[in-house]
Amino acid sequence: MRELLIEPEQAESSENLEGRLRYYLLVDELELGGGLLCESYGVKVVSPDGEAEAVRNLTVRPERIDHLLELLQRNQVPPVALRDVIDDWL
């Protein structure tokens, strides 16, 4: 599994990023059988105090996970609310 930090779209200094929620794209490989692999995407949210929540294997479509990550960032969804937001999103 790979974790990629998603930077906010607004250009902010590293000082402004301290104390903010951090959002990660999770990339896994799923075996489809017959030696075929597919990338599967999930998300992770980490709060400034270190609390974290992750949900893997949400979709295989990059545009869907991009939309979800943008939604999470725009609404500043904390780790405690991640699963509820994903349930509504699905």
PDB file of N, CA and C in Angstrom:
ATOM      1  N   MET A   1       0.843  -1.177   0.000  1.00  0.00           N
ATOM      2  CA  MET A   1       0.000   0.000   0.000  1.00  0.00           C
ATOM      3  C   MET A   1       0.887   1.239   0.000  1.00  0.00           C
ATOM      4  N   ARG A   2       0.447   2.239  -0.761  1.00  0.00           N
ATOM      5  CA  ARG A   2       1.134   3.526  -0.795  1.00  0.00           C
ATOM      6  C   ARG A   2       0.223   4.592  -0.202  1.00  0.00           C
ATOM      7  N   GLU A   3       0.820   5.553   0.471  1.00  0.00           N
ATOM      8  CA  GLU A   3       0.092   6.708   1.013  1.00  0.00           C
ATOM      9  C   GLU A   3       0.661   7.962   0.375  1.00  0.00           C
ATOM     10  N   LEU A   4      -0.214   8.755  -0.218  1.00  0.00           N
ATOM     11  CA  LEU A   4       0.212  10.001  -0.846  1.00  0.00           C
ATOM     12  C   LEU A   4      -0.508  11.163  -0.174  1.00  0.00           C
ATOM     13  N   LEU A   5       0.263  12.082   0.413  1.00  0.00           N
ATOM     14  CA  LEU A   5      -0.315  13.261   1.055  1.00  0.00           C
ATOM     15  C   LEU A   5      -0.911  14.161  -0.016  1.00  0.00           C
ATOM     16  N   ILE A   6      -2.152  14.556   0.192  1.00  0.00           N
ATOM     17  CA  ILE A   6      -2.827  15.457  -0.741  1.00  0.00           C
ATOM     18  C   ILE A   6      -2.706  16.869  -0.187  1.00  0.00           C
ATOM     19  N   GLU A   7      -1.966  17.703  -0.902  1.00  0.00           N
ATOM     20  CA  GLU A   7      -1.763  19.079  -0.462  1.00  0.00           C
ATOM     21  C   GLU A   7      -3.005  19.904  -0.750  1.00  0.00           C
ATOM     22  N   PRO A   8      -3.319  20.851   0.125  1.00  0.00           N
ATOM     23  CA  PRO A   8      -4.454  21.744  -0.153  1.00  0.00           C
ATOM     24  C   PRO A   8      -4.225  22.487  -1.460  1.00  0.00           C
ATOM     25  N   GLU A   9      -5.317  22.799  -2.162  1.00  0.00           N
ATOM     26  CA  GLU A   9      -5.191  23.505  -3.436  1.00  0.00           C
ATOM     27  C   GLU A   9      -4.662  24.919  -3.249  1.00  0.00           C
ATOM     28  N   GLN A  10      -4.983  25.530  -2.122  1.00  0.00           N
ATOM     29  CA  GLN A  10      -4.491  26.878  -1.857  1.00  0.00           C
ATOM     30  C   GLN A  10      -3.016  26.789  -1.499  1.00  0.00           C
ATOM     31  N   ALA A  11      -2.220  27.679  -2.044  1.00  0.00           N
ATOM     32  CA  ALA A  11      -0.802  27.713  -1.693  1.00  0.00           C
ATOM     33  C   ALA A  11      -0.673  28.267  -0.277  1.00  0.00           C
ATOM     34  N   GLU A  12      -0.189  27.435   0.611  1.00  0.00           N
ATOM     35  CA  GLU A  12      -0.022  27.846   2.005  1.00  0.00           C
ATOM     36  C   GLU A  12       1.406  27.551   2.431  1.00  0.00           C
ATOM     37  N   SER A  13       1.886  28.330   3.367  1.00  0.00           N
ATOM     38  CA  SER A  13       3.216  28.064   3.883  1.00  0.00           C
ATOM     39  C   SER A  13       3.156  26.838   4.793  1.00  0.00           C
ATOM     40  N   SER A  14       4.308  26.244   5.050  1.00  0.00           N
ATOM     41  CA  SER A  14       4.346  25.072   5.922  1.00  0.00           C
ATOM     42  C   SER A  14       3.891  25.424   7.333  1.00  0.00           C
ATOM     43  N   GLU A  15       4.058  26.677   7.734  1.00  0.00           N
ATOM     44  CA  GLU A  15       3.579  27.101   9.053  1.00  0.00           C
ATOM     45  C   GLU A  15       2.058  26.987   9.126  1.00  0.00           C
ATOM     46  N   ASN A  16       1.367  27.359   8.057  1.00  0.00           N
ATOM     47  CA  ASN A  16      -0.090  27.299   8.042  1.00  0.00           C
ATOM     48  C   ASN A  16      -0.593  25.864   8.005  1.00  0.00           C
ATOM     49  N   LEU A  17       0.204  24.942   7.509  1.00  0.00           N
ATOM     50  CA  LEU A  17      -0.217  23.545   7.444  1.00  0.00           C
ATOM     51  C   LEU A  17      -0.100  22.865   8.798  1.00  0.00           C
ATOM     52  N   GLU A  18       0.734  23.390   9.675  1.00  0.00           N
ATOM     53  CA  GLU A  18       0.845  22.840  11.025  1.00  0.00           C
ATOM     54  C   GLU A  18      -0.488  23.056  11.732  1.00  0.00           C
ATOM     55  N   GLY A  19      -0.926  22.065  12.449  1.00  0.00           N
ATOM     56  CA  GLY A  19      -2.172  22.185  13.179  1.00  0.00           C
ATOM     57  C   GLY A  19      -3.405  22.000  12.323  1.00  0.00           C
ATOM     58  N   ARG A  20      -3.249  21.496  11.093  1.00  0.00           N
ATOM     59  CA  ARG A  20      -4.381  21.271  10.202  1.00  0.00           C
ATOM     60  C   ARG A  20      -4.565  19.792   9.945  1.00  0.00           C
ATOM     61  N   LEU A  21      -5.755  19.441   9.534  1.00  0.00           N
ATOM     62  CA  LEU A  21      -6.024  18.065   9.130  1.00  0.00           C
ATOM     63  C   LEU A  21      -5.213  17.738   7.882  1.00  0.00           C
ATOM     64  N   ARG A  22      -4.728  16.503   7.802  1.00  0.00           N
ATOM     65  CA  ARG A  22      -3.989  16.051   6.617  1.00  0.00           C
ATOM     66  C   ARG A  22      -4.756  14.902   5.980  1.00  0.00           C
ATOM     67  N   TYR A  23      -4.855  14.941   4.659  1.00  0.00           N
ATOM     68  CA  TYR A  23      -5.605  13.949   3.903  1.00  0.00           C
ATOM     69  C   TYR A  23      -4.649  13.185   2.995  1.00  0.00           C
ATOM     70  N   TYR A  24      -4.833  11.864   2.964  1.00  0.00           N
ATOM     71  CA  TYR A  24      -3.964  10.995   2.182  1.00  0.00           C
ATOM     72  C   TYR A  24      -4.781  10.159   1.217  1.00  0.00           C
ATOM     73  N   LEU A  25      -4.222   9.955   0.037  1.00  0.00           N
ATOM     74  CA  LEU A  25      -4.744   8.998  -0.917  1.00  0.00           C
ATOM     75  C   LEU A  25      -4.048   7.675  -0.637  1.00  0.00           C
ATOM     76  N   LEU A  26      -4.823   6.614  -0.462  1.00  0.00           N
ATOM     77  CA  LEU A  26      -4.272   5.275  -0.251  1.00  0.00           C
ATOM     78  C   LEU A  26      -4.403   4.499  -1.549  1.00  0.00           C
ATOM     79  N   VAL A  27      -3.318   3.862  -1.974  1.00  0.00           N
ATOM     80  CA  VAL A  27      -3.324   3.096  -3.215  1.00  0.00           C
ATOM     81  C   VAL A  27      -2.910   1.663  -2.895  1.00  0.00           C
ATOM     82  N   ASP A  28      -3.809   0.736  -3.182  1.00  0.00           N
ATOM     83  CA  ASP A  28      -3.551  -0.691  -2.998  1.00  0.00           C
ATOM     84  C   ASP A  28      -3.627  -1.377  -4.350  1.00  0.00           C
ATOM     85  N   GLU A  29      -3.106  -2.591  -4.408  1.00  0.00           N
ATOM     86  CA  GLU A  29      -3.270  -3.412  -5.598  1.00  0.00           C
ATOM     87  C   GLU A  29      -4.189  -4.573  -5.271  1.00  0.00           C
ATOM     88  N   LEU A  30      -5.202  -4.757  -6.108  1.00  0.00           N
ATOM     89  CA  LEU A  30      -6.131  -5.868  -5.950  1.00  0.00           C
ATOM     90  C   LEU A  30      -5.838  -6.892  -7.035  1.00  0.00           C
ATOM     91  N   GLU A  31      -5.802  -8.134  -6.646  1.00  0.00           N
ATOM     92  CA  GLU A  31      -5.603  -9.194  -7.628  1.00  0.00           C
ATOM     93  C   GLU A  31      -6.960  -9.583  -8.192  1.00  0.00           C
ATOM     94  N   LEU A  32      -7.070  -9.540  -9.518  1.00  0.00           N
ATOM     95  CA  LEU A  32      -8.320  -9.845 -10.187  1.00  0.00           C
ATOM     96  C   LEU A  32      -8.405 -11.307 -10.619  1.00  0.00           C
ATOM     97  N   GLY A  33      -7.308 -12.005 -10.488  1.00  0.00           N
ATOM     98  CA  GLY A  33      -7.256 -13.397 -10.953  1.00  0.00           C
ATOM     99  C   GLY A  33      -6.526 -13.470 -12.278  1.00  0.00           C
ATOM    100  N   GLY A  34      -5.984 -14.619 -12.552  1.00  0.00           N
ATOM    101  CA  GLY A  34      -5.252 -14.786 -13.799  1.00  0.00           C
ATOM    102  C   GLY A  34      -4.020 -13.918 -13.896  1.00  0.00           C
ATOM    103  N   GLY A  35      -3.493 -13.492 -12.750  1.00  0.00           N
ATOM    104  CA  GLY A  35      -2.294 -12.661 -12.747  1.00  0.00           C
ATOM    105  C   GLY A  35      -2.557 -11.190 -13.025  1.00  0.00           C
ATOM    106  N   LEU A  36      -3.808 -10.792 -13.133  1.00  0.00           N
ATOM    107  CA  LEU A  36      -4.134  -9.393 -13.393  1.00  0.00           C
ATOM    108  C   LEU A  36      -4.269  -8.632 -12.081  1.00  0.00           C
ATOM    109  N   LEU A  37      -3.731  -7.411 -12.092  1.00  0.00           N
ATOM    110  CA  LEU A  37      -3.811  -6.535 -10.923  1.00  0.00           C
ATOM    111  C   LEU A  37      -4.537  -5.251 -11.290  1.00  0.00           C
ATOM    112  N   CYS A  38      -5.178  -4.663 -10.303  1.00  0.00           N
ATOM    113  CA  CYS A  38      -5.899  -3.407 -10.483  1.00  0.00           C
ATOM    114  C   CYS A  38      -5.583  -2.521  -9.281  1.00  0.00           C
ATOM    115  N   GLU A  39      -5.427  -1.219  -9.516  1.00  0.00           N
ATOM    116  CA  GLU A  39      -5.244  -0.303  -8.395  1.00  0.00           C
ATOM    117  C   GLU A  39      -6.594  -0.019  -7.744  1.00  0.00           C
ATOM    118  N   SER A  40      -6.594   0.011  -6.433  1.00  0.00           N
ATOM    119  CA  SER A  40      -7.779   0.326  -5.639  1.00  0.00           C
ATOM    120  C   SER A  40      -7.422   1.493  -4.733  1.00  0.00           C
ATOM    121  N   TYR A  41      -8.374   2.421  -4.570  1.00  0.00           N
ATOM    122  CA  TYR A  41      -8.097   3.659  -3.857  1.00  0.00           C
ATOM    123  C   TYR A  41      -8.918   3.784  -2.580  1.00  0.00           C
ATOM    124  N   GLY A  42      -8.298   4.388  -1.577  1.00  0.00           N
ATOM    125  CA  GLY A  42      -8.941   4.686  -0.318  1.00  0.00           C
ATOM    126  C   GLY A  42      -8.446   6.025   0.191  1.00  0.00           C
ATOM    127  N   VAL A  43      -8.849   6.382   1.402  1.00  0.00           N
ATOM    128  CA  VAL A  43      -8.461   7.671   1.991  1.00  0.00           C
ATOM    129  C   VAL A  43      -8.070   7.492   3.453  1.00  0.00           C
ATOM    130  N   LYS A  44      -7.285   8.446   3.919  1.00  0.00           N
ATOM    131  CA  LYS A  44      -6.873   8.492   5.321  1.00  0.00           C
ATOM    132  C   LYS A  44      -6.889   9.946   5.752  1.00  0.00           C
ATOM    133  N   VAL A  45      -7.347  10.178   6.991  1.00  0.00           N
ATOM    134  CA  VAL A  45      -7.358  11.525   7.567  1.00  0.00           C
ATOM    135  C   VAL A  45      -6.595  11.470   8.888  1.00  0.00           C
ATOM    136  N   VAL A  46      -5.699  12.443   9.081  1.00  0.00           N
ATOM    137  CA  VAL A  46      -4.916  12.532  10.318  1.00  0.00           C
ATOM    138  C   VAL A  46      -5.118  13.924  10.905  1.00  0.00           C
ATOM    139  N   SER A  47      -5.499  13.962  12.176  1.00  0.00           N
ATOM    140  CA  SER A  47      -5.704  15.244  12.858  1.00  0.00           C
ATOM    141  C   SER A  47      -4.386  15.730  13.452  1.00  0.00           C
ATOM    142  N   PRO A  48      -4.313  16.996  13.834  1.00  0.00           N
ATOM    143  CA  PRO A  48      -3.083  17.545  14.412  1.00  0.00           C
ATOM    144  C   PRO A  48      -2.628  16.811  15.678  1.00  0.00           C
ATOM    145  N   ASP A  49      -3.570  16.230  16.434  1.00  0.00           N
ATOM    146  CA  ASP A  49      -3.189  15.522  17.662  1.00  0.00           C
ATOM    147  C   ASP A  49      -2.799  14.066  17.399  1.00  0.00           C
ATOM    148  N   GLY A  50      -2.769  13.666  16.127  1.00  0.00           N
ATOM    149  CA  GLY A  50      -2.320  12.315  15.774  1.00  0.00           C
ATOM    150  C   GLY A  50      -3.429  11.303  15.591  1.00  0.00           C
ATOM    151  N   GLU A  51      -4.670  11.688  15.895  1.00  0.00           N
ATOM    152  CA  GLU A  51      -5.796  10.775  15.664  1.00  0.00           C
ATOM    153  C   GLU A  51      -5.901  10.533  14.160  1.00  0.00           C
ATOM    154  N   ALA A  52      -6.112   9.270  13.771  1.00  0.00           N
ATOM    155  CA  ALA A  52      -6.179   8.937  12.354  1.00  0.00           C
ATOM    156  C   ALA A  52      -7.277   7.917  12.100  1.00  0.00           C
ATOM    157  N   GLU A  53      -7.818   7.988  10.902  1.00  0.00           N
ATOM    158  CA  GLU A  53      -8.815   7.014  10.444  1.00  0.00           C
ATOM    159  C   GLU A  53      -8.555   6.792   8.959  1.00  0.00           C
ATOM    160  N   ALA A  54      -8.627   5.537   8.538  1.00  0.00           N
ATOM    161  CA  ALA A  54      -8.396   5.198   7.144  1.00  0.00           C
ATOM    162  C   ALA A  54      -9.457   4.216   6.673  1.00  0.00           C
ATOM    163  N   VAL A  55      -9.824   4.343   5.409  1.00  0.00           N
ATOM    164  CA  VAL A  55     -10.735   3.406   4.763  1.00  0.00           C
ATOM    165  C   VAL A  55     -10.112   3.055   3.419  1.00  0.00           C
ATOM    166  N   ARG A  56      -9.832   1.786   3.256  1.00  0.00           N
ATOM    167  CA  ARG A  56      -9.164   1.324   2.034  1.00  0.00           C
ATOM    168  C   ARG A  56     -10.182   0.721   1.074  1.00  0.00           C
ATOM    169  N   ASN A  57      -9.744   0.574  -0.166  1.00  0.00           N
ATOM    170  CA  ASN A  57     -10.499  -0.125  -1.209  1.00  0.00           C
ATOM    171  C   ASN A  57     -11.908   0.409  -1.400  1.00  0.00           C
ATOM    172  N   LEU A  58     -12.019   1.720  -1.567  1.00  0.00           N
ATOM    173  CA  LEU A  58     -13.327   2.336  -1.788  1.00  0.00           C
ATOM    174  C   LEU A  58     -13.748   2.292  -3.250  1.00  0.00           C
ATOM    175  N   THR A  59     -12.808   2.450  -4.155  1.00  0.00           N
ATOM    176  CA  THR A  59     -13.113   2.505  -5.577  1.00  0.00           C
ATOM    177  C   THR A  59     -11.869   2.173  -6.391  1.00  0.00           C
ATOM    178  N   VAL A  60     -12.091   1.808  -7.651  1.00  0.00           N
ATOM    179  CA  VAL A  60     -10.977   1.592  -8.580  1.00  0.00           C
ATOM    180  C   VAL A  60     -10.921   2.731  -9.595  1.00  0.00           C
ATOM    181  N   ARG A  61     -11.831   3.695  -9.454  1.00  0.00           N
ATOM    182  CA  ARG A  61     -11.896   4.816 -10.390  1.00  0.00           C
ATOM    183  C   ARG A  61     -11.205   6.050  -9.810  1.00  0.00           C
ATOM    184  N   PRO A  62     -10.114   6.493 -10.435  1.00  0.00           N
ATOM    185  CA  PRO A  62      -9.362   7.654  -9.918  1.00  0.00           C
ATOM    186  C   PRO A  62     -10.206   8.913  -9.787  1.00  0.00           C
ATOM    187  N   GLU A  63     -11.113   9.167 -10.730  1.00  0.00           N
ATOM    188  CA  GLU A  63     -11.921  10.393 -10.663  1.00  0.00           C
ATOM    189  C   GLU A  63     -12.868  10.372  -9.462  1.00  0.00           C
ATOM    190  N   ARG A  64     -13.342   9.205  -9.052  1.00  0.00           N
ATOM    191  CA  ARG A  64     -14.224   9.102  -7.880  1.00  0.00           C
ATOM    192  C   ARG A  64     -13.465   9.432  -6.595  1.00  0.00           C
ATOM    193  N   ILE A  65     -12.252   8.895  -6.462  1.00  0.00           N
ATOM    194  CA  ILE A  65     -11.500   9.141  -5.229  1.00  0.00           C
ATOM    195  C   ILE A  65     -11.029  10.594  -5.180  1.00  0.00           C
ATOM    196  N   ASP A  66     -10.715  11.177  -6.351  1.00  0.00           N
ATOM    197  CA  ASP A  66     -10.352  12.597  -6.387  1.00  0.00           C
ATOM    198  C   ASP A  66     -11.519  13.448  -5.890  1.00  0.00           C
ATOM    199  N   HIS A  67     -12.724  13.113  -6.319  1.00  0.00           N
ATOM    200  CA  HIS A  67     -13.912  13.847  -5.886  1.00  0.00           C
ATOM    201  C   HIS A  67     -14.099  13.721  -4.374  1.00  0.00           C
ATOM    202  N   LEU A  68     -13.935  12.510  -3.850  1.00  0.00           N
ATOM    203  CA  LEU A  68     -14.086  12.302  -2.404  1.00  0.00           C
ATOM    204  C   LEU A  68     -13.045  13.099  -1.622  1.00  0.00           C
ATOM    205  N   LEU A  69     -11.797  13.064  -2.051  1.00  0.00           N
ATOM    206  CA  LEU A  69     -10.748  13.800  -1.345  1.00  0.00           C
ATOM    207  C   LEU A  69     -11.013  15.308  -1.368  1.00  0.00           C
ATOM    208  N   GLU A  70     -11.506  15.812  -2.483  1.00  0.00           N
ATOM    209  CA  GLU A  70     -11.828  17.231  -2.564  1.00  0.00           C
ATOM    210  C   GLU A  70     -12.971  17.570  -1.601  1.00  0.00           C
ATOM    211  N   LEU A  71     -13.968  16.701  -1.522  1.00  0.00           N
ATOM    212  CA  LEU A  71     -15.083  16.873  -0.599  1.00  0.00           C
ATOM    213  C   LEU A  71     -14.608  16.882   0.858  1.00  0.00           C
ATOM    214  N   LEU A  72     -13.727  15.945   1.195  1.00  0.00           N
ATOM    215  CA  LEU A  72     -13.200  15.862   2.562  1.00  0.00           C
ATOM    216  C   LEU A  72     -12.421  17.119   2.929  1.00  0.00           C
ATOM    217  N   GLN A  73     -11.554  17.567   2.022  1.00  0.00           N
ATOM    218  CA  GLN A  73     -10.751  18.763   2.299  1.00  0.00           C
ATOM    219  C   GLN A  73     -11.618  20.010   2.402  1.00  0.00           C
ATOM    220  N   ARG A  74     -12.526  20.167   1.469  1.00  0.00           N
ATOM    221  CA  ARG A  74     -13.368  21.372   1.433  1.00  0.00           C
ATOM    222  C   ARG A  74     -14.188  21.502   2.721  1.00  0.00           C
ATOM    223  N   ASN A  75     -14.649  20.373   3.254  1.00  0.00           N
ATOM    224  CA  ASN A  75     -15.484  20.387   4.451  1.00  0.00           C
ATOM    225  C   ASN A  75     -14.716  20.114   5.732  1.00  0.00           C
ATOM    226  N   GLN A  76     -13.385  19.982   5.631  1.00  0.00           N
ATOM    227  CA  GLN A  76     -12.518  19.753   6.793  1.00  0.00           C
ATOM    228  C   GLN A  76     -13.062  18.619   7.669  1.00  0.00           C
ATOM    229  N   VAL A  77     -13.297  17.465   7.037  1.00  0.00           N
ATOM    230  CA  VAL A  77     -13.838  16.298   7.729  1.00  0.00           C
ATOM    231  C   VAL A  77     -12.756  15.705   8.633  1.00  0.00           C
ATOM    232  N   PRO A  78     -13.024  15.581   9.938  1.00  0.00           N
ATOM    233  CA  PRO A  78     -12.042  15.022  10.872  1.00  0.00           C
ATOM    234  C   PRO A  78     -12.096  13.486  10.844  1.00  0.00           C
ATOM    235  N   PRO A  79     -11.076  12.845  11.408  1.00  0.00           N
ATOM    236  CA  PRO A  79     -11.043  11.381  11.419  1.00  0.00           C
ATOM    237  C   PRO A  79     -12.306  10.744  12.008  1.00  0.00           C
ATOM    238  N   VAL A  80     -12.859  11.329  13.056  1.00  0.00           N
ATOM    239  CA  VAL A  80     -14.016  10.748  13.735  1.00  0.00           C
ATOM    240  C   VAL A  80     -15.254  10.701  12.829  1.00  0.00           C
ATOM    241  N   ALA A  81     -15.335  11.571  11.843  1.00  0.00           N
ATOM    242  CA  ALA A  81     -16.506  11.634  10.964  1.00  0.00           C
ATOM    243  C   ALA A  81     -16.271  10.975   9.606  1.00  0.00           C
ATOM    244  N   LEU A  82     -15.067  10.473   9.361  1.00  0.00           N
ATOM    245  CA  LEU A  82     -14.722   9.959   8.038  1.00  0.00           C
ATOM    246  C   LEU A  82     -15.666   8.851   7.575  1.00  0.00           C
ATOM    247  N   ARG A  83     -15.896   7.857   8.394  1.00  0.00           N
ATOM    248  CA  ARG A  83     -16.740   6.720   7.976  1.00  0.00           C
ATOM    249  C   ARG A  83     -18.183   7.148   7.694  1.00  0.00           C
ATOM    250  N   ASP A  84     -18.712   8.077   8.466  1.00  0.00           N
ATOM    251  CA  ASP A  84     -20.067   8.565   8.213  1.00  0.00           C
ATOM    252  C   ASP A  84     -20.154   9.275   6.861  1.00  0.00           C
ATOM    253  N   VAL A  85     -19.173  10.111   6.567  1.00  0.00           N
ATOM    254  CA  VAL A  85     -19.158  10.823   5.290  1.00  0.00           C
ATOM    255  C   VAL A  85     -19.039   9.826   4.142  1.00  0.00           C
ATOM    256  N   ILE A  86     -18.182   8.835   4.288  1.00  0.00           N
ATOM    257  CA  ILE A  86     -18.017   7.826   3.243  1.00  0.00           C
ATOM    258  C   ILE A  86     -19.304   7.029   3.043  1.00  0.00           C
ATOM    259  N   ASP A  87     -19.986   6.681   4.123  1.00  0.00           N
ATOM    260  CA  ASP A  87     -21.262   5.961   4.002  1.00  0.00           C
ATOM    261  C   ASP A  87     -22.255   6.760   3.173  1.00  0.00           C
ATOM    262  N   ASP A  88     -22.315   8.070   3.405  1.00  0.00           N
ATOM    263  CA  ASP A  88     -23.202   8.928   2.620  1.00  0.00           C
ATOM    264  C   ASP A  88     -22.730   9.048   1.172  1.00  0.00           C
ATOM    265  N   TRP A  89     -21.432   9.105   0.972  1.00  0.00           N
ATOM    266  CA  TRP A  89     -20.842   9.261  -0.361  1.00  0.00           C
ATOM    267  C   TRP A  89     -21.081   8.034  -1.226  1.00  0.00           C
ATOM    268  N   LEU A  90     -21.035   6.855  -0.603  1.00  0.00           N
ATOM    269  CA  LEU A  90     -21.242   5.627  -1.363  1.00  0.00           C
ATOM    270  C   LEU A  90     -22.684   5.523  -1.790  1.00  0.00           C
TER     271      LEU A  90
END
